[in-house]
Amino acid sequence: MTGSVRQHCVSPRSPMSTIQQSLDEFDTRHEVVPARVFERYLWTNPEVCSECFARIRTEHELTVDDWGNTVTELDRFGSGIQGYDNVNGGGVYLPRTFCEDCGGRGHADPKTDSKLQATRRATQIAARLDERNIPVDGPALRRAVRKLKAKPELEALDREIYERATKIAVRRAQS
């Protein structure tokens, strides 16, 4: 049976449908889970710089054929600017999106943020969540970042600090 592929198709109306819903459809039906907000909407979001949390891209869908098939594209937006990066170290420079605010390539820098930088970035986190209509207590977020950043055992763990602070602030806004 080499070369053949078996597919199991399920009707969209069937209770065992395998059609995956978009995050937006899911969020309108279910509550936002505070423990997953940072990872889902900020850290792994290609629209947001993972260093300073500025908006660097915007996503839109294009219909590509007569059957309604769509493709999702990302365009530079807000703080996103075009630059060139030696991606593989082989001397070939490819266009990339860089963040105008922090100079990053959209992913986090390994250097630790200062307490002042971290507090400013908490403000950006609150702004990104507000754009998604996710309730967040901004002052509680900044306060949590400052307190967590002051702990010697956590001060170098920026991602964990932002994640914990976001969870606290979203949970507080929901109560």
C-alpha atoms as a PDB file:
ATOM      1  CA  MET A   1       0.000   0.000   0.000  1.00  0.00           C
ATOM      2  CA  THR A   2       2.872   2.319  -0.729  1.00  0.00           C
ATOM      3  CA  GLY A   3       2.086   5.753  -2.032  1.00  0.00           C
ATOM      4  CA  SER A   4      -1.556   5.853  -0.946  1.00  0.00           C
ATOM      5  CA  VAL A   5      -2.950   8.020   1.799  1.00  0.00           C
ATOM      6  CA  ARG A   6      -6.167   7.358   3.673  1.00  0.00           C
ATOM      7  CA  GLN A   7      -8.137  10.366   4.830  1.00  0.00           C
ATOM      8  CA  HIS A   8     -11.050  10.372   7.208  1.00  0.00           C
ATOM      9  CA  CYS A   9     -13.455  13.201   6.498  1.00  0.00           C
ATOM     10  CA  VAL A  10     -16.012  14.270   9.055  1.00  0.00           C
ATOM     11  CA  SER A  11     -18.946  16.510   8.322  1.00  0.00           C
ATOM     12  CA  PRO A  12     -18.704  20.000   9.906  1.00  0.00           C
ATOM     13  CA  ARG A  13     -22.171  19.422  11.395  1.00  0.00           C
ATOM     14  CA  SER A  14     -21.113  16.189  13.041  1.00  0.00           C
ATOM     15  CA  PRO A  15     -20.329  16.224  16.779  1.00  0.00           C
ATOM     16  CA  MET A  16     -16.888  14.743  15.999  1.00  0.00           C
ATOM     17  CA  SER A  17     -15.917  17.532  13.629  1.00  0.00           C
ATOM     18  CA  THR A  18     -12.205  18.094  13.264  1.00  0.00           C
ATOM     19  CA  ILE A  19     -12.521  21.653  12.023  1.00  0.00           C
ATOM     20  CA  GLN A  20     -10.354  23.839  14.195  1.00  0.00           C
ATOM     21  CA  GLN A  21     -11.760  27.148  15.331  1.00  0.00           C
ATOM     22  CA  SER A  22      -9.754  30.340  15.301  1.00  0.00           C
ATOM     23  CA  LEU A  23      -8.637  31.850  18.606  1.00  0.00           C
ATOM     24  CA  ASP A  24     -11.059  34.737  18.158  1.00  0.00           C
ATOM     25  CA  GLU A  25     -14.071  32.417  17.799  1.00  0.00           C
ATOM     26  CA  PHE A  26     -12.919  30.438  20.821  1.00  0.00           C
ATOM     27  CA  ASP A  27     -12.470  33.554  22.967  1.00  0.00           C
ATOM     28  CA  THR A  28     -15.983  34.853  22.319  1.00  0.00           C
ATOM     29  CA  ARG A  29     -17.468  31.604  23.643  1.00  0.00           C
ATOM     30  CA  HIS A  30     -15.162  30.875  26.575  1.00  0.00           C
ATOM     31  CA  GLU A  31     -13.510  32.885  29.274  1.00  0.00           C
ATOM     32  CA  VAL A  32      -9.896  33.891  28.809  1.00  0.00           C
ATOM     33  CA  VAL A  33      -7.619  31.719  30.964  1.00  0.00           C
ATOM     34  CA  PRO A  34      -5.254  34.053  32.880  1.00  0.00           C
ATOM     35  CA  ALA A  35      -2.445  31.483  33.022  1.00  0.00           C
ATOM     36  CA  ARG A  36      -2.337  31.262  29.207  1.00  0.00           C
ATOM     37  CA  VAL A  37      -2.770  34.900  28.224  1.00  0.00           C
ATOM     38  CA  PHE A  38       0.921  35.870  28.124  1.00  0.00           C
ATOM     39  CA  GLU A  39       2.002  32.849  26.083  1.00  0.00           C
ATOM     40  CA  ARG A  40      -0.898  32.957  23.640  1.00  0.00           C
ATOM     41  CA  TYR A  41      -1.377  36.658  22.977  1.00  0.00           C
ATOM     42  CA  LEU A  42       2.097  38.106  23.559  1.00  0.00           C
ATOM     43  CA  TRP A  43       5.066  35.717  23.634  1.00  0.00           C
ATOM     44  CA  THR A  44       4.185  33.587  20.599  1.00  0.00           C
ATOM     45  CA  ASN A  45       2.264  36.274  18.716  1.00  0.00           C
ATOM     46  CA  PRO A  46       4.127  37.282  15.514  1.00  0.00           C
ATOM     47  CA  GLU A  47       2.348  40.660  15.593  1.00  0.00           C
ATOM     48  CA  VAL A  48       4.075  41.661  18.851  1.00  0.00           C
ATOM     49  CA  CYS A  49       7.769  42.239  19.609  1.00  0.00           C
ATOM     50  CA  SER A  50       8.751  39.738  22.301  1.00  0.00           C
ATOM     51  CA  GLU A  51      11.392  42.133  23.620  1.00  0.00           C
ATOM     52  CA  CYS A  52       9.405  45.316  24.330  1.00  0.00           C
ATOM     53  CA  PHE A  53       5.842  44.197  23.426  1.00  0.00           C
ATOM     54  CA  ALA A  54       5.296  46.934  20.834  1.00  0.00           C
ATOM     55  CA  ARG A  55       3.036  46.125  17.881  1.00  0.00           C
ATOM     56  CA  ILE A  56       5.302  45.424  14.895  1.00  0.00           C
ATOM     57  CA  ARG A  57       2.981  43.631  12.477  1.00  0.00           C
ATOM     58  CA  THR A  58      -0.679  43.311  11.647  1.00  0.00           C
ATOM     59  CA  GLU A  59      -2.396  40.228  10.294  1.00  0.00           C
ATOM     60  CA  HIS A  60      -4.985  40.111   7.528  1.00  0.00           C
ATOM     61  CA  GLU A  61      -6.557  37.424   5.376  1.00  0.00           C
ATOM     62  CA  LEU A  62      -6.623  37.394   1.603  1.00  0.00           C
ATOM     63  CA  THR A  63      -8.973  35.298  -0.515  1.00  0.00           C
ATOM     64  CA  VAL A  64      -6.731  33.549  -3.018  1.00  0.00           C
ATOM     65  CA  ASP A  65      -9.151  31.730  -5.308  1.00  0.00           C
ATOM     66  CA  ASP A  66     -12.768  31.388  -6.443  1.00  0.00           C
ATOM     67  CA  TRP A  67     -13.488  28.725  -3.801  1.00  0.00           C
ATOM     68  CA  GLY A  68     -12.928  31.096  -0.894  1.00  0.00           C
ATOM     69  CA  ASN A  69      -9.582  29.703   0.261  1.00  0.00           C
ATOM     70  CA  THR A  70      -7.677  32.269   2.279  1.00  0.00           C
ATOM     71  CA  VAL A  71      -4.073  33.018   3.177  1.00  0.00           C
ATOM     72  CA  THR A  72      -3.001  34.947   6.257  1.00  0.00           C
ATOM     73  CA  GLU A  73      -0.337  37.604   5.708  1.00  0.00           C
ATOM     74  CA  LEU A  74       1.590  39.785   8.119  1.00  0.00           C
ATOM     75  CA  ASP A  75       2.391  43.391   7.225  1.00  0.00           C
ATOM     76  CA  ARG A  76       4.698  45.751   9.089  1.00  0.00           C
ATOM     77  CA  PHE A  77       2.741  48.017  11.377  1.00  0.00           C
ATOM     78  CA  GLY A  78       3.314  50.476  14.206  1.00  0.00           C
ATOM     79  CA  SER A  79       6.891  50.075  15.422  1.00  0.00           C
ATOM     80  CA  GLY A  80       7.769  47.479  12.783  1.00  0.00           C
ATOM     81  CA  ILE A  81      10.381  48.626  10.270  1.00  0.00           C
ATOM     82  CA  GLN A  82      12.191  46.788   7.495  1.00  0.00           C
ATOM     83  CA  GLY A  83      15.814  45.908   7.989  1.00  0.00           C
ATOM     84  CA  TYR A  84      18.217  43.287   6.707  1.00  0.00           C
ATOM     85  CA  ASP A  85      19.654  40.436   8.705  1.00  0.00           C
ATOM     86  CA  ASN A  86      22.346  37.843   8.035  1.00  0.00           C
ATOM     87  CA  VAL A  87      20.057  34.971   8.957  1.00  0.00           C
ATOM     88  CA  ASN A  88      22.317  31.950   8.505  1.00  0.00           C
ATOM     89  CA  GLY A  89      25.683  33.670   8.805  1.00  0.00           C
ATOM     90  CA  GLY A  90      26.436  32.833   5.176  1.00  0.00           C
ATOM     91  CA  GLY A  91      26.685  36.384   3.897  1.00  0.00           C
ATOM     92  CA  VAL A  92      23.127  36.509   2.553  1.00  0.00           C
ATOM     93  CA  TYR A  93      21.126  39.369   4.030  1.00  0.00           C
ATOM     94  CA  LEU A  94      17.369  38.916   3.935  1.00  0.00           C
ATOM     95  CA  PRO A  95      14.663  41.485   4.680  1.00  0.00           C
ATOM     96  CA  ARG A  96      13.302  41.166   8.227  1.00  0.00           C
ATOM     97  CA  THR A  97      10.962  43.113  10.458  1.00  0.00           C
ATOM     98  CA  PHE A  98      12.756  44.943  13.249  1.00  0.00           C
ATOM     99  CA  CYS A  99      11.232  46.827  16.154  1.00  0.00           C
ATOM    100  CA  GLU A 100      11.861  50.552  15.921  1.00  0.00           C
ATOM    101  CA  ASP A 101      11.267  51.000  19.661  1.00  0.00           C
ATOM    102  CA  CYS A 102      13.894  48.555  20.980  1.00  0.00           C
ATOM    103  CA  GLY A 103      15.892  47.600  17.873  1.00  0.00           C
ATOM    104  CA  GLY A 104      14.973  43.950  18.317  1.00  0.00           C
ATOM    105  CA  ARG A 105      14.166  41.447  15.584  1.00  0.00           C
ATOM    106  CA  GLY A 106      10.822  40.632  17.149  1.00  0.00           C
ATOM    107  CA  HIS A 107      12.157  38.145  19.675  1.00  0.00           C
ATOM    108  CA  ALA A 108      13.516  38.677  23.160  1.00  0.00           C
ATOM    109  CA  ASP A 109      17.087  39.756  23.838  1.00  0.00           C
ATOM    110  CA  PRO A 110      18.950  37.540  26.316  1.00  0.00           C
ATOM    111  CA  LYS A 111      20.029  40.600  28.342  1.00  0.00           C
ATOM    112  CA  THR A 112      17.995  41.226  31.485  1.00  0.00           C
ATOM    113  CA  ASP A 113      15.708  44.267  31.633  1.00  0.00           C
ATOM    114  CA  SER A 114      16.175  46.841  34.373  1.00  0.00           C
ATOM    115  CA  LYS A 115      13.312  47.399  36.803  1.00  0.00           C
ATOM    116  CA  LEU A 116      12.452  50.671  34.985  1.00  0.00           C
ATOM    117  CA  GLN A 117      12.452  48.965  31.553  1.00  0.00           C
ATOM    118  CA  ALA A 118      10.345  46.117  32.915  1.00  0.00           C
ATOM    119  CA  THR A 119       7.776  48.549  34.327  1.00  0.00           C
ATOM    120  CA  ARG A 120       7.566  50.366  30.964  1.00  0.00           C
ATOM    121  CA  ARG A 121       7.138  47.058  29.189  1.00  0.00           C
ATOM    122  CA  ALA A 122       4.294  46.175  31.534  1.00  0.00           C
ATOM    123  CA  THR A 123       2.499  49.234  30.152  1.00  0.00           C
ATOM    124  CA  GLN A 124       3.003  47.864  26.614  1.00  0.00           C
ATOM    125  CA  ILE A 125       1.688  44.456  27.710  1.00  0.00           C
ATOM    126  CA  ALA A 126      -1.482  46.095  29.050  1.00  0.00           C
ATOM    127  CA  ALA A 127      -1.910  48.003  25.757  1.00  0.00           C
ATOM    128  CA  ARG A 128      -1.577  44.816  23.648  1.00  0.00           C
ATOM    129  CA  LEU A 129      -4.118  42.981  25.804  1.00  0.00           C
ATOM    130  CA  ASP A 130      -6.469  45.949  25.647  1.00  0.00           C
ATOM    131  CA  GLU A 131      -6.293  45.779  21.821  1.00  0.00           C
ATOM    132  CA  ARG A 132      -7.549  42.186  22.077  1.00  0.00           C
ATOM    133  CA  ASN A 133     -10.330  43.210  24.489  1.00  0.00           C
ATOM    134  CA  ILE A 134      -8.789  41.116  27.249  1.00  0.00           C
ATOM    135  CA  PRO A 135      -9.496  42.710  30.622  1.00  0.00           C
ATOM    136  CA  VAL A 136      -6.288  43.543  32.479  1.00  0.00           C
ATOM    137  CA  ASP A 137      -5.598  45.630  35.585  1.00  0.00           C
ATOM    138  CA  GLY A 138      -2.758  47.860  34.324  1.00  0.00           C
ATOM    139  CA  PRO A 139      -1.653  49.257  37.712  1.00  0.00           C
ATOM    140  CA  ALA A 140      -1.667  45.736  39.201  1.00  0.00           C
ATOM    141  CA  LEU A 141       0.429  44.508  36.266  1.00  0.00           C
ATOM    142  CA  ARG A 142       3.064  47.226  36.762  1.00  0.00           C
ATOM    143  CA  ARG A 143       3.061  46.674  40.525  1.00  0.00           C
ATOM    144  CA  ALA A 144       3.505  42.905  40.119  1.00  0.00           C
ATOM    145  CA  VAL A 145       6.381  43.392  37.654  1.00  0.00           C
ATOM    146  CA  ARG A 146       8.159  45.763  40.089  1.00  0.00           C
ATOM    147  CA  LYS A 147       7.696  43.376  43.030  1.00  0.00           C
ATOM    148  CA  LEU A 148       8.812  40.298  41.100  1.00  0.00           C
ATOM    149  CA  LYS A 149      11.788  42.152  39.622  1.00  0.00           C
ATOM    150  CA  ALA A 150      12.902  43.079  43.162  1.00  0.00           C
ATOM    151  CA  LYS A 151      13.231  39.405  44.187  1.00  0.00           C
ATOM    152  CA  PRO A 152      16.870  38.300  43.770  1.00  0.00           C
ATOM    153  CA  GLU A 153      15.909  34.768  42.703  1.00  0.00           C
ATOM    154  CA  LEU A 154      13.684  36.121  39.871  1.00  0.00           C
ATOM    155  CA  GLU A 155      15.315  39.370  38.738  1.00  0.00           C
ATOM    156  CA  ALA A 156      17.089  37.767  35.753  1.00  0.00           C
ATOM    157  CA  LEU A 157      14.015  35.810  34.590  1.00  0.00           C
ATOM    158  CA  ASP A 158      12.209  38.484  32.578  1.00  0.00           C
ATOM    159  CA  ARG A 159       9.901  36.175  30.633  1.00  0.00           C
ATOM    160  CA  GLU A 160       8.741  34.450  33.816  1.00  0.00           C
ATOM    161  CA  ILE A 161       8.219  37.799  35.538  1.00  0.00           C
ATOM    162  CA  TYR A 162       6.067  39.126  32.696  1.00  0.00           C
ATOM    163  CA  GLU A 163       4.124  35.870  32.518  1.00  0.00           C
ATOM    164  CA  ARG A 164       3.375  35.773  36.257  1.00  0.00           C
ATOM    165  CA  ALA A 165       2.515  39.481  36.396  1.00  0.00           C
ATOM    166  CA  THR A 166       0.169  39.150  33.404  1.00  0.00           C
ATOM    167  CA  LYS A 167      -1.587  36.199  35.020  1.00  0.00           C
ATOM    168  CA  ILE A 168      -2.071  38.186  38.260  1.00  0.00           C
ATOM    169  CA  ALA A 169      -3.354  41.297  36.444  1.00  0.00           C
ATOM    170  CA  VAL A 170      -5.781  39.422  34.182  1.00  0.00           C
ATOM    171  CA  ARG A 171      -7.113  37.378  37.087  1.00  0.00           C
ATOM    172  CA  ARG A 172      -7.569  40.571  39.110  1.00  0.00           C
ATOM    173  CA  ALA A 173      -9.447  42.278  36.243  1.00  0.00           C
ATOM    174  CA  GLN A 174     -11.781  39.292  35.955  1.00  0.00           C
ATOM    175  CA  SER A 175     -12.750  39.348  39.641  1.00  0.00           C
END
